[in-house]
């Protein structure tokens, strides 16, 4: 059931040196997902992400893509 996600959560890293100049504000969903990723820095699981953030799969995927597009996340 959880194998159809596009992201490997354990390979995602937060870029603490990303440029904030001219960046748009984060969406509510992006804030939840980013906070969750900061709090859980290993053994990340989609079921836990969806449950803790109370978001749908689609909302999580959009938030992860948005955070990546903003340069806040990258795959290690």
PDB file of N, CA and C in Angstrom:
ATOM      1  N   UNK A   1       0.816  -1.201   0.000  1.00  0.00           N
ATOM      2  CA  UNK A   1       0.000   0.000   0.000  1.00  0.00           C
ATOM      3  C   UNK A   1       0.862   1.270   0.000  1.00  0.00           C
ATOM      4  N   UNK A   2       1.893   1.330   0.813  1.00  0.00           N
ATOM      5  CA  UNK A   2       2.711   2.525   0.888  1.00  0.00           C
ATOM      6  C   UNK A   2       3.862   2.507  -0.116  1.00  0.00           C
ATOM      7  N   UNK A   3       3.953   1.503  -0.979  1.00  0.00           N
ATOM      8  CA  UNK A   3       5.056   1.407  -1.913  1.00  0.00           C
ATOM      9  C   UNK A   3       4.873   2.278  -3.146  1.00  0.00           C
ATOM     10  N   UNK A   4       3.730   2.927  -3.304  1.00  0.00           N
ATOM     11  CA  UNK A   4       3.487   3.714  -4.504  1.00  0.00           C
ATOM     12  C   UNK A   4       3.825   5.197  -4.334  1.00  0.00           C
ATOM     13  N   UNK A   5       4.564   5.540  -3.302  1.00  0.00           N
ATOM     14  CA  UNK A   5       4.996   6.918  -3.107  1.00  0.00           C
ATOM     15  C   UNK A   5       6.220   7.192  -3.956  1.00  0.00           C
ATOM     16  N   UNK A   6       6.394   8.445  -4.329  1.00  0.00           N
ATOM     17  CA  UNK A   6       7.487   8.833  -5.215  1.00  0.00           C
ATOM     18  C   UNK A   6       8.762   9.206  -4.477  1.00  0.00           C
ATOM     19  N   UNK A   7       8.722   9.325  -3.174  1.00  0.00           N
ATOM     20  CA  UNK A   7       9.855   9.826  -2.409  1.00  0.00           C
ATOM     21  C   UNK A   7      10.360   8.774  -1.430  1.00  0.00           C
ATOM     22  N   UNK A   8      11.674   8.692  -1.299  1.00  0.00           N
ATOM     23  CA  UNK A   8      12.295   7.887  -0.251  1.00  0.00           C
ATOM     24  C   UNK A   8      12.588   8.846   0.900  1.00  0.00           C
ATOM     25  N   UNK A   9      11.746   8.855   1.898  1.00  0.00           N
ATOM     26  CA  UNK A   9      11.838   9.835   2.975  1.00  0.00           C
ATOM     27  C   UNK A   9      13.183   9.797   3.688  1.00  0.00           C
ATOM     28  N   UNK A  10      13.790   8.626   3.778  1.00  0.00           N
ATOM     29  CA  UNK A  10      15.065   8.513   4.485  1.00  0.00           C
ATOM     30  C   UNK A  10      16.234   9.073   3.689  1.00  0.00           C
ATOM     31  N   UNK A  11      16.036   9.345   2.416  1.00  0.00           N
ATOM     32  CA  UNK A  11      17.091   9.948   1.599  1.00  0.00           C
ATOM     33  C   UNK A  11      16.947  11.462   1.494  1.00  0.00           C
ATOM     34  N   UNK A  12      15.856  12.008   2.024  1.00  0.00           N
ATOM     35  CA  UNK A  12      15.647  13.452   1.960  1.00  0.00           C
ATOM     36  C   UNK A  12      16.457  14.159   3.042  1.00  0.00           C
ATOM     37  N   UNK A  13      17.124  15.223   2.646  1.00  0.00           N
ATOM     38  CA  UNK A  13      17.889  16.045   3.581  1.00  0.00           C
ATOM     39  C   UNK A  13      17.422  17.490   3.455  1.00  0.00           C
ATOM     40  N   UNK A  14      17.555  18.219   4.533  1.00  0.00           N
ATOM     41  CA  UNK A  14      17.145  19.615   4.566  1.00  0.00           C
ATOM     42  C   UNK A  14      18.368  20.477   4.281  1.00  0.00           C
ATOM     43  N   UNK A  15      18.229  21.377   3.335  1.00  0.00           N
ATOM     44  CA  UNK A  15      19.321  22.278   2.986  1.00  0.00           C
ATOM     45  C   UNK A  15      19.227  23.509   3.872  1.00  0.00           C
ATOM     46  N   UNK A  16      20.027  23.536   4.918  1.00  0.00           N
ATOM     47  CA  UNK A  16      19.998  24.659   5.866  1.00  0.00           C
ATOM     48  C   UNK A  16      20.662  25.906   5.297  1.00  0.00           C
ATOM     49  N   UNK A  17      21.323  25.761   4.165  1.00  0.00           N
ATOM     50  CA  UNK A  17      21.991  26.905   3.539  1.00  0.00           C
ATOM     51  C   UNK A  17      21.253  27.416   2.305  1.00  0.00           C
ATOM     52  N   UNK A  18      20.009  27.021   2.142  1.00  0.00           N
ATOM     53  CA  UNK A  18      19.264  27.447   0.953  1.00  0.00           C
ATOM     54  C   UNK A  18      19.031  28.956   0.995  1.00  0.00           C
ATOM     55  N   UNK A  19      18.967  29.542  -0.168  1.00  0.00           N
ATOM     56  CA  UNK A  19      18.802  30.984  -0.306  1.00  0.00           C
ATOM     57  C   UNK A  19      17.341  31.359  -0.061  1.00  0.00           C
ATOM     58  N   UNK A  20      17.101  32.264   0.853  1.00  0.00           N
ATOM     59  CA  UNK A  20      15.738  32.683   1.175  1.00  0.00           C
ATOM     60  C   UNK A  20      15.306  33.925   0.405  1.00  0.00           C
ATOM     61  N   UNK A  21      16.228  34.538  -0.299  1.00  0.00           N
ATOM     62  CA  UNK A  21      15.925  35.780  -1.013  1.00  0.00           C
ATOM     63  C   UNK A  21      14.890  35.550  -2.113  1.00  0.00           C
ATOM     64  N   UNK A  22      13.799  36.301  -2.038  1.00  0.00           N
ATOM     65  CA  UNK A  22      12.766  36.231  -3.055  1.00  0.00           C
ATOM     66  C   UNK A  22      11.909  34.972  -3.010  1.00  0.00           C
ATOM     67  N   UNK A  23      12.079  34.168  -1.990  1.00  0.00           N
ATOM     68  CA  UNK A  23      11.319  32.915  -1.910  1.00  0.00           C
ATOM     69  C   UNK A  23       9.904  33.187  -1.407  1.00  0.00           C
ATOM     70  N   UNK A  24       8.960  32.477  -1.960  1.00  0.00           N
ATOM     71  CA  UNK A  24       7.570  32.604  -1.511  1.00  0.00           C
ATOM     72  C   UNK A  24       7.422  31.987  -0.116  1.00  0.00           C
ATOM     73  N   UNK A  25       6.336  32.324   0.539  1.00  0.00           N
ATOM     74  CA  UNK A  25       6.045  31.725   1.847  1.00  0.00           C
ATOM     75  C   UNK A  25       5.673  30.265   1.662  1.00  0.00           C
ATOM     76  N   UNK A  26       5.931  29.471   2.685  1.00  0.00           N
ATOM     77  CA  UNK A  26       5.568  28.055   2.645  1.00  0.00           C
ATOM     78  C   UNK A  26       4.063  27.905   2.841  1.00  0.00           C
ATOM     79  N   UNK A  27       3.513  26.887   2.216  1.00  0.00           N
ATOM     80  CA  UNK A  27       2.105  26.559   2.444  1.00  0.00           C
ATOM     81  C   UNK A  27       1.971  25.878   3.801  1.00  0.00           C
ATOM     82  N   UNK A  28       0.761  25.765   4.266  1.00  0.00           N
ATOM     83  CA  UNK A  28       0.482  25.068   5.520  1.00  0.00           C
ATOM     84  C   UNK A  28       1.019  23.644   5.461  1.00  0.00           C
ATOM     85  N   UNK A  29       0.760  22.959   4.351  1.00  0.00           N
ATOM     86  CA  UNK A  29       1.184  21.567   4.196  1.00  0.00           C
ATOM     87  C   UNK A  29       2.707  21.455   4.164  1.00  0.00           C
ATOM     88  N   UNK A  30       3.366  22.400   3.477  1.00  0.00           N
ATOM     89  CA  UNK A  30       4.827  22.391   3.433  1.00  0.00           C
ATOM     90  C   UNK A  30       5.414  22.597   4.823  1.00  0.00           C
ATOM     91  N   UNK A  31       4.807  23.477   5.605  1.00  0.00           N
ATOM     92  CA  UNK A  31       5.273  23.714   6.980  1.00  0.00           C
ATOM     93  C   UNK A  31       5.153  22.447   7.816  1.00  0.00           C
ATOM     94  N   UNK A  32       4.016  21.760   7.716  1.00  0.00           N
ATOM     95  CA  UNK A  32       3.828  20.517   8.468  1.00  0.00           C
ATOM     96  C   UNK A  32       4.864  19.476   8.073  1.00  0.00           C
ATOM     97  N   UNK A  33       5.040  19.280   6.776  1.00  0.00           N
ATOM     98  CA  UNK A  33       5.953  18.246   6.287  1.00  0.00           C
ATOM     99  C   UNK A  33       7.395  18.589   6.646  1.00  0.00           C
ATOM    100  N   UNK A  34       7.801  19.830   6.460  1.00  0.00           N
ATOM    101  CA  UNK A  34       9.164  20.231   6.798  1.00  0.00           C
ATOM    102  C   UNK A  34       9.422  20.050   8.293  1.00  0.00           C
ATOM    103  N   UNK A  35       8.487  20.462   9.114  1.00  0.00           N
ATOM    104  CA  UNK A  35       8.632  20.290  10.565  1.00  0.00           C
ATOM    105  C   UNK A  35       8.750  18.820  10.926  1.00  0.00           C
ATOM    106  N   UNK A  36       7.938  17.990  10.302  1.00  0.00           N
ATOM    107  CA  UNK A  36       7.976  16.550  10.569  1.00  0.00           C
ATOM    108  C   UNK A  36       9.329  15.975  10.167  1.00  0.00           C
ATOM    109  N   UNK A  37       9.838  16.377   9.005  1.00  0.00           N
ATOM    110  CA  UNK A  37      11.133  15.883   8.537  1.00  0.00           C
ATOM    111  C   UNK A  37      12.266  16.314   9.461  1.00  0.00           C
ATOM    112  N   UNK A  38      12.170  17.505  10.020  1.00  0.00           N
ATOM    113  CA  UNK A  38      13.180  17.972  10.971  1.00  0.00           C
ATOM    114  C   UNK A  38      13.116  17.136  12.243  1.00  0.00           C
ATOM    115  N   UNK A  39      11.924  16.902  12.733  1.00  0.00           N
ATOM    116  CA  UNK A  39      11.744  16.146  13.983  1.00  0.00           C
ATOM    117  C   UNK A  39      12.154  14.693  13.821  1.00  0.00           C
ATOM    118  N   UNK A  40      11.760  14.072  12.716  1.00  0.00           N
ATOM    119  CA  UNK A  40      12.115  12.673  12.447  1.00  0.00           C
ATOM    120  C   UNK A  40      13.228  12.648  11.408  1.00  0.00           C
ATOM    121  N   UNK A  41      14.460  12.547  11.844  1.00  0.00           N
ATOM    122  CA  UNK A  41      15.562  12.578  10.897  1.00  0.00           C
ATOM    123  C   UNK A  41      16.073  11.196  10.504  1.00  0.00           C
ATOM    124  N   UNK A  42      15.438  10.134  11.004  1.00  0.00           N
ATOM    125  CA  UNK A  42      15.759   8.772  10.565  1.00  0.00           C
ATOM    126  C   UNK A  42      14.529   7.896  10.763  1.00  0.00           C
ATOM    127  N   UNK A  43      14.553   6.742  10.125  1.00  0.00           N
ATOM    128  CA  UNK A  43      13.431   5.788  10.199  1.00  0.00           C
ATOM    129  C   UNK A  43      12.094   6.448   9.871  1.00  0.00           C
ATOM    130  N   UNK A  44      12.106   7.261   8.826  1.00  0.00           N
ATOM    131  CA  UNK A  44      10.882   7.955   8.406  1.00  0.00           C
ATOM    132  C   UNK A  44       9.956   6.995   7.679  1.00  0.00           C
ATOM    133  N   UNK A  45       8.667   7.145   7.953  1.00  0.00           N
ATOM    134  CA  UNK A  45       7.660   6.252   7.393  1.00  0.00           C
ATOM    135  C   UNK A  45       6.469   7.074   6.912  1.00  0.00           C
ATOM    136  N   UNK A  46       5.998   6.762   5.703  1.00  0.00           N
ATOM    137  CA  UNK A  46       4.865   7.515   5.145  1.00  0.00           C
ATOM    138  C   UNK A  46       3.616   7.418   6.007  1.00  0.00           C
ATOM    139  N   UNK A  47       3.352   6.267   6.562  1.00  0.00           N
ATOM    140  CA  UNK A  47       2.152   6.138   7.410  1.00  0.00           C
ATOM    141  C   UNK A  47       2.209   7.118   8.572  1.00  0.00           C
ATOM    142  N   UNK A  48       3.387   7.230   9.168  1.00  0.00           N
ATOM    143  CA  UNK A  48       3.548   8.142  10.292  1.00  0.00           C
ATOM    144  C   UNK A  48       3.449   9.602   9.819  1.00  0.00           C
ATOM    145  N   UNK A  49       4.053   9.918   8.683  1.00  0.00           N
ATOM    146  CA  UNK A  49       3.972  11.272   8.135  1.00  0.00           C
ATOM    147  C   UNK A  49       2.521  11.664   7.875  1.00  0.00           C
ATOM    148  N   UNK A  50       1.795  10.803   7.187  1.00  0.00           N
ATOM    149  CA  UNK A  50       0.390  11.100   6.878  1.00  0.00           C
ATOM    150  C   UNK A  50      -0.438  11.260   8.144  1.00  0.00           C
ATOM    151  N   UNK A  51      -0.213  10.379   9.116  1.00  0.00           N
ATOM    152  CA  UNK A  51      -0.981  10.426  10.359  1.00  0.00           C
ATOM    153  C   UNK A  51      -0.644  11.629  11.219  1.00  0.00           C
ATOM    154  N   UNK A  52       0.659  11.884  11.392  1.00  0.00           N
ATOM    155  CA  UNK A  52       1.074  12.995  12.249  1.00  0.00           C
ATOM    156  C   UNK A  52       0.677  14.341  11.661  1.00  0.00           C
ATOM    157  N   UNK A  53       0.822  14.495  10.354  1.00  0.00           N
ATOM    158  CA  UNK A  53       0.509  15.771   9.703  1.00  0.00           C
ATOM    159  C   UNK A  53      -0.961  15.895   9.318  1.00  0.00           C
ATOM    160  N   UNK A  54      -1.683  14.774   9.408  1.00  0.00           N
ATOM    161  CA  UNK A  54      -3.101  14.742   9.035  1.00  0.00           C
ATOM    162  C   UNK A  54      -3.316  15.282   7.623  1.00  0.00           C
ATOM    163  N   UNK A  55      -2.501  14.743   6.708  1.00  0.00           N
ATOM    164  CA  UNK A  55      -2.567  15.127   5.311  1.00  0.00           C
ATOM    165  C   UNK A  55      -2.832  13.899   4.457  1.00  0.00           C
ATOM    166  N   UNK A  56      -3.361  14.134   3.270  1.00  0.00           N
ATOM    167  CA  UNK A  56      -3.558  13.047   2.320  1.00  0.00           C
ATOM    168  C   UNK A  56      -2.231  12.759   1.618  1.00  0.00           C
ATOM    169  N   UNK A  57      -2.192  11.625   0.928  1.00  0.00           N
ATOM    170  CA  UNK A  57      -1.010  11.265   0.157  1.00  0.00           C
ATOM    171  C   UNK A  57      -0.694  12.366  -0.848  1.00  0.00           C
ATOM    172  N   UNK A  58      -1.704  12.837  -1.550  1.00  0.00           N
ATOM    173  CA  UNK A  58      -1.517  13.877  -2.560  1.00  0.00           C
ATOM    174  C   UNK A  58      -0.976  15.162  -1.940  1.00  0.00           C
ATOM    175  N   UNK A  59      -1.510  15.559  -0.796  1.00  0.00           N
ATOM    176  CA  UNK A  59      -1.035  16.766  -0.124  1.00  0.00           C
ATOM    177  C   UNK A  59       0.441  16.630   0.264  1.00  0.00           C
ATOM    178  N   UNK A  60       0.830  15.451   0.731  1.00  0.00           N
ATOM    179  CA  UNK A  60       2.230  15.217   1.106  1.00  0.00           C
ATOM    180  C   UNK A  60       3.133  15.270  -0.115  1.00  0.00           C
ATOM    181  N   UNK A  61       2.709  14.648  -1.191  1.00  0.00           N
ATOM    182  CA  UNK A  61       3.509  14.650  -2.418  1.00  0.00           C
ATOM    183  C   UNK A  61       3.695  16.078  -2.940  1.00  0.00           C
ATOM    184  N   UNK A  62       2.638  16.872  -2.931  1.00  0.00           N
ATOM    185  CA  UNK A  62       2.715  18.257  -3.395  1.00  0.00           C
ATOM    186  C   UNK A  62       3.631  19.070  -2.479  1.00  0.00           C
ATOM    187  N   UNK A  63       3.510  18.852  -1.173  1.00  0.00           N
ATOM    188  CA  UNK A  63       4.357  19.569  -0.217  1.00  0.00           C
ATOM    189  C   UNK A  63       5.827  19.202  -0.406  1.00  0.00           C
ATOM    190  N   UNK A  64       6.125  17.923  -0.588  1.00  0.00           N
ATOM    191  CA  UNK A  64       7.505  17.491  -0.796  1.00  0.00           C
ATOM    192  C   UNK A  64       8.066  18.085  -2.086  1.00  0.00           C
ATOM    193  N   UNK A  65       7.265  18.111  -3.136  1.00  0.00           N
ATOM    194  CA  UNK A  65       7.717  18.691  -4.393  1.00  0.00           C
ATOM    195  C   UNK A  65       7.947  20.189  -4.240  1.00  0.00           C
ATOM    196  N   UNK A  66       7.041  20.857  -3.534  1.00  0.00           N
ATOM    197  CA  UNK A  66       7.194  22.289  -3.303  1.00  0.00           C
ATOM    198  C   UNK A  66       8.453  22.608  -2.513  1.00  0.00           C
ATOM    199  N   UNK A  67       8.729  21.819  -1.481  1.00  0.00           N
ATOM    200  CA  UNK A  67       9.930  22.034  -0.674  1.00  0.00           C
ATOM    201  C   UNK A  67      11.192  21.782  -1.485  1.00  0.00           C
ATOM    202  N   UNK A  68      11.132  20.821  -2.381  1.00  0.00           N
ATOM    203  CA  UNK A  68      12.266  20.538  -3.256  1.00  0.00           C
ATOM    204  C   UNK A  68      12.448  21.674  -4.260  1.00  0.00           C
ATOM    205  N   UNK A  69      11.356  22.139  -4.841  1.00  0.00           N
ATOM    206  CA  UNK A  69      11.420  23.236  -5.805  1.00  0.00           C
ATOM    207  C   UNK A  69      11.986  24.509  -5.171  1.00  0.00           C
ATOM    208  N   UNK A  70      11.691  24.725  -3.893  1.00  0.00           N
ATOM    209  CA  UNK A  70      12.202  25.891  -3.187  1.00  0.00           C
ATOM    210  C   UNK A  70      13.654  25.738  -2.754  1.00  0.00           C
ATOM    211  N   UNK A  71      14.199  24.554  -2.924  1.00  0.00           N
ATOM    212  CA  UNK A  71      15.584  24.302  -2.549  1.00  0.00           C
ATOM    213  C   UNK A  71      15.770  23.976  -1.076  1.00  0.00           C
ATOM    214  N   UNK A  72      14.670  23.691  -0.385  1.00  0.00           N
ATOM    215  CA  UNK A  72      14.768  23.363   1.039  1.00  0.00           C
ATOM    216  C   UNK A  72      15.080  21.882   1.266  1.00  0.00           C
ATOM    217  N   UNK A  73      14.739  21.030   0.315  1.00  0.00           N
ATOM    218  CA  UNK A  73      15.009  19.599   0.423  1.00  0.00           C
ATOM    219  C   UNK A  73      15.817  19.141  -0.771  1.00  0.00           C
ATOM    220  N   UNK A  74      16.629  18.127  -0.551  1.00  0.00           N
ATOM    221  CA  UNK A  74      17.346  17.472  -1.642  1.00  0.00           C
ATOM    222  C   UNK A  74      17.543  16.006  -1.274  1.00  0.00           C
ATOM    223  N   UNK A  75      17.782  15.198  -2.290  1.00  0.00           N
ATOM    224  CA  UNK A  75      18.054  13.773  -2.071  1.00  0.00           C
ATOM    225  C   UNK A  75      19.535  13.603  -1.794  1.00  0.00           C
ATOM    226  N   UNK A  76      19.850  12.847  -0.746  1.00  0.00           N
ATOM    227  CA  UNK A  76      21.262  12.585  -0.465  1.00  0.00           C
ATOM    228  C   UNK A  76      21.657  11.245  -0.986  1.00  0.00           C
TER     229      UNK A  76
END
